[in-house]
C-alpha atoms as a PDB file:
ATOM      1  CA  UNK A   1     118.094 111.084 125.158  1.00  0.00           C
ATOM      2  CA  UNK A   2     121.553 112.140 124.279  1.00  0.00           C
ATOM      3  CA  UNK A   3     121.936 110.318 120.972  1.00  0.00           C
ATOM      4  CA  UNK A   4     119.368 111.943 118.691  1.00  0.00           C
ATOM      5  CA  UNK A   5     115.815 112.297 117.543  1.00  0.00           C
ATOM      6  CA  UNK A   6     115.490 108.856 115.993  1.00  0.00           C
ATOM      7  CA  UNK A   7     114.346 107.620 119.385  1.00  0.00           C
ATOM      8  CA  UNK A   8     110.855 109.077 118.986  1.00  0.00           C
ATOM      9  CA  UNK A   9     109.466 105.917 117.411  1.00  0.00           C
ATOM     10  CA  UNK A  10     111.394 103.762 119.877  1.00  0.00           C
ATOM     11  CA  UNK A  11     110.059 105.779 122.791  1.00  0.00           C
ATOM     12  CA  UNK A  12     106.495 105.382 121.546  1.00  0.00           C
ATOM     13  CA  UNK A  13     106.926 101.620 121.516  1.00  0.00           C
ATOM     14  CA  UNK A  14     108.786 101.529 124.814  1.00  0.00           C
ATOM     15  CA  UNK A  15     106.056 103.482 126.566  1.00  0.00           C
ATOM     16  CA  UNK A  16     103.709 100.557 125.942  1.00  0.00           C
ATOM     17  CA  UNK A  17     106.015  98.002 127.566  1.00  0.00           C
ATOM     18  CA  UNK A  18     105.051  96.828 131.059  1.00  0.00           C
ATOM     19  CA  UNK A  19     107.074  98.302 133.915  1.00  0.00           C
ATOM     20  CA  UNK A  20     109.472 101.184 133.527  1.00  0.00           C
ATOM     21  CA  UNK A  21     109.724 102.767 130.093  1.00  0.00           C
ATOM     22  CA  UNK A  22     112.769 101.497 128.253  1.00  0.00           C
ATOM     23  CA  UNK A  23     114.542 102.914 125.263  1.00  0.00           C
ATOM     24  CA  UNK A  24     116.944 100.954 123.076  1.00  0.00           C
ATOM     25  CA  UNK A  25     120.139 102.682 122.142  1.00  0.00           C
ATOM     26  CA  UNK A  26     123.289 101.736 120.262  1.00  0.00           C
ATOM     27  CA  UNK A  27     126.309 101.905 122.546  1.00  0.00           C
ATOM     28  CA  UNK A  28     128.552 102.048 119.482  1.00  0.00           C
ATOM     29  CA  UNK A  29     126.701 105.117 118.186  1.00  0.00           C
ATOM     30  CA  UNK A  30     127.043 107.379 121.223  1.00  0.00           C
ATOM     31  CA  UNK A  31     128.817 105.285 123.818  1.00  0.00           C
ATOM     32  CA  UNK A  32     126.165 106.402 126.314  1.00  0.00           C
ATOM     33  CA  UNK A  33     128.786 108.770 127.689  1.00  0.00           C
ATOM     34  CA  UNK A  34     126.317 111.639 127.975  1.00  0.00           C
ATOM     35  CA  UNK A  35     123.772 109.508 129.842  1.00  0.00           C
ATOM     36  CA  UNK A  36     126.479 108.179 132.121  1.00  0.00           C
ATOM     37  CA  UNK A  37     127.719 111.687 132.891  1.00  0.00           C
ATOM     38  CA  UNK A  38     124.220 113.132 133.377  1.00  0.00           C
ATOM     39  CA  UNK A  39     121.443 110.517 133.659  1.00  0.00           C
ATOM     40  CA  UNK A  40     118.606 113.026 133.239  1.00  0.00           C
ATOM     41  CA  UNK A  41     116.836 112.429 129.906  1.00  0.00           C
ATOM     42  CA  UNK A  42     113.735 113.466 128.016  1.00  0.00           C
ATOM     43  CA  UNK A  43     111.838 111.538 125.381  1.00  0.00           C
ATOM     44  CA  UNK A  44     109.556 113.360 122.972  1.00  0.00           C
ATOM     45  CA  UNK A  45     106.897 111.468 121.015  1.00  0.00           C
ATOM     46  CA  UNK A  46     105.033 113.216 118.204  1.00  0.00           C
ATOM     47  CA  UNK A  47     101.759 112.011 116.692  1.00  0.00           C
ATOM     48  CA  UNK A  48     102.300 111.795 112.909  1.00  0.00           C
ATOM     49  CA  UNK A  49      98.558 112.150 112.291  1.00  0.00           C
ATOM     50  CA  UNK A  50      98.081 115.209 114.525  1.00  0.00           C
ATOM     51  CA  UNK A  51     101.045 117.619 114.294  1.00  0.00           C
ATOM     52  CA  UNK A  52     100.181 119.517 117.493  1.00  0.00           C
ATOM     53  CA  UNK A  53      99.764 116.397 119.623  1.00  0.00           C
ATOM     54  CA  UNK A  54     102.786 115.168 121.562  1.00  0.00           C
ATOM     55  CA  UNK A  55     103.979 113.455 124.719  1.00  0.00           C
ATOM     56  CA  UNK A  56     107.163 114.336 126.551  1.00  0.00           C
ATOM     57  CA  UNK A  57     108.545 112.173 129.350  1.00  0.00           C
ATOM     58  CA  UNK A  58     111.379 113.436 131.542  1.00  0.00           C
ATOM     59  CA  UNK A  59     113.203 111.147 133.896  1.00  0.00           C
ATOM     60  CA  UNK A  60     116.413 109.580 135.078  1.00  0.00           C
ATOM     61  CA  UNK A  61     118.250 106.624 133.580  1.00  0.00           C
ATOM     62  CA  UNK A  62     118.358 104.068 136.385  1.00  0.00           C
ATOM     63  CA  UNK A  63     120.470 101.514 134.601  1.00  0.00           C
ATOM     64  CA  UNK A  64     121.996 100.605 131.264  1.00  0.00           C
ATOM     65  CA  UNK A  65     121.521  96.962 130.322  1.00  0.00           C
ATOM     66  CA  UNK A  66     123.496  95.272 127.543  1.00  0.00           C
ATOM     67  CA  UNK A  67     121.348  93.673 124.838  1.00  0.00           C
ATOM     68  CA  UNK A  68     123.950  91.876 122.683  1.00  0.00           C
ATOM     69  CA  UNK A  69     121.347  89.747 120.906  1.00  0.00           C
ATOM     70  CA  UNK A  70     119.132  92.713 119.993  1.00  0.00           C
ATOM     71  CA  UNK A  71     116.182  90.996 121.706  1.00  0.00           C
ATOM     72  CA  UNK A  72     114.462  94.239 122.728  1.00  0.00           C
ATOM     73  CA  UNK A  73     114.716  95.527 119.154  1.00  0.00           C
ATOM     74  CA  UNK A  74     113.138  92.251 117.971  1.00  0.00           C
ATOM     75  CA  UNK A  75     110.190  92.740 120.356  1.00  0.00           C
ATOM     76  CA  UNK A  76     109.573  96.250 119.048  1.00  0.00           C
ATOM     77  CA  UNK A  77     110.054  95.262 115.407  1.00  0.00           C
ATOM     78  CA  UNK A  78     107.490  92.471 115.707  1.00  0.00           C
ATOM     79  CA  UNK A  79     105.009  94.680 117.561  1.00  0.00           C
ATOM     80  CA  UNK A  80     105.122  97.399 114.903  1.00  0.00           C
ATOM     81  CA  UNK A  81     105.493  95.197 111.819  1.00  0.00           C
ATOM     82  CA  UNK A  82     109.044  96.220 110.893  1.00  0.00           C
ATOM     83  CA  UNK A  83     110.507  93.837 108.369  1.00  0.00           C
ATOM     84  CA  UNK A  84     114.255  93.293 108.636  1.00  0.00           C
ATOM     85  CA  UNK A  85     116.773  90.476 108.626  1.00  0.00           C
ATOM     86  CA  UNK A  86     117.516  89.314 112.167  1.00  0.00           C
ATOM     87  CA  UNK A  87     119.726  89.888 113.972  1.00  0.00           C
ATOM     88  CA  UNK A  88     119.816  93.652 113.706  1.00  0.00           C
ATOM     89  CA  UNK A  89     123.168  94.779 112.258  1.00  0.00           C
ATOM     90  CA  UNK A  90     124.587  96.362 115.404  1.00  0.00           C
ATOM     91  CA  UNK A  91     123.105  93.853 117.865  1.00  0.00           C
ATOM     92  CA  UNK A  92     126.377  93.258 119.690  1.00  0.00           C
ATOM     93  CA  UNK A  93     126.510  96.987 120.573  1.00  0.00           C
ATOM     94  CA  UNK A  94     122.875  97.383 121.645  1.00  0.00           C
ATOM     95  CA  UNK A  95     121.881  98.465 125.132  1.00  0.00           C
ATOM     96  CA  UNK A  96     118.556  99.196 126.814  1.00  0.00           C
ATOM     97  CA  UNK A  97     118.233 102.354 128.865  1.00  0.00           C
ATOM     98  CA  UNK A  98     115.811 101.840 131.764  1.00  0.00           C
ATOM     99  CA  UNK A  99     114.269 105.214 132.610  1.00  0.00           C
ATOM    100  CA  UNK A 100     112.375 106.186 135.766  1.00  0.00           C
ATOM    101  CA  UNK A 101     109.774 108.750 134.606  1.00  0.00           C
ATOM    102  CA  UNK A 102     109.551 111.850 136.803  1.00  0.00           C
ATOM    103  CA  UNK A 103     107.450 114.275 134.785  1.00  0.00           C
ATOM    104  CA  UNK A 104     105.216 114.174 131.712  1.00  0.00           C
ATOM    105  CA  UNK A 105     103.689 116.855 129.535  1.00  0.00           C
ATOM    106  CA  UNK A 106     101.286 116.358 126.680  1.00  0.00           C
ATOM    107  CA  UNK A 107      98.914 118.076 124.354  1.00  0.00           C
END
């Protein structure tokens, strides 16, 4: 994704969601301008317990959905036991990138 490496944990959680993998992103942070200009993305997920184990998913962003309540973040936070005060601070700027996977590599 165009906005940085902090998506690795988000991608790990999104990969477990039913349907197309989704990745939350803050529209205020990067404006999604890179994804809008070139919708091809890659998501890299590293295993913290095994440094040489990884998963990479390459695909195309099919749509960008607004998530002004931060609901998708709430789902992920509950699933992975993240404690925070709802709503997430930048909830009004949140979006969900829906990605169609086209290629995966792993080790």
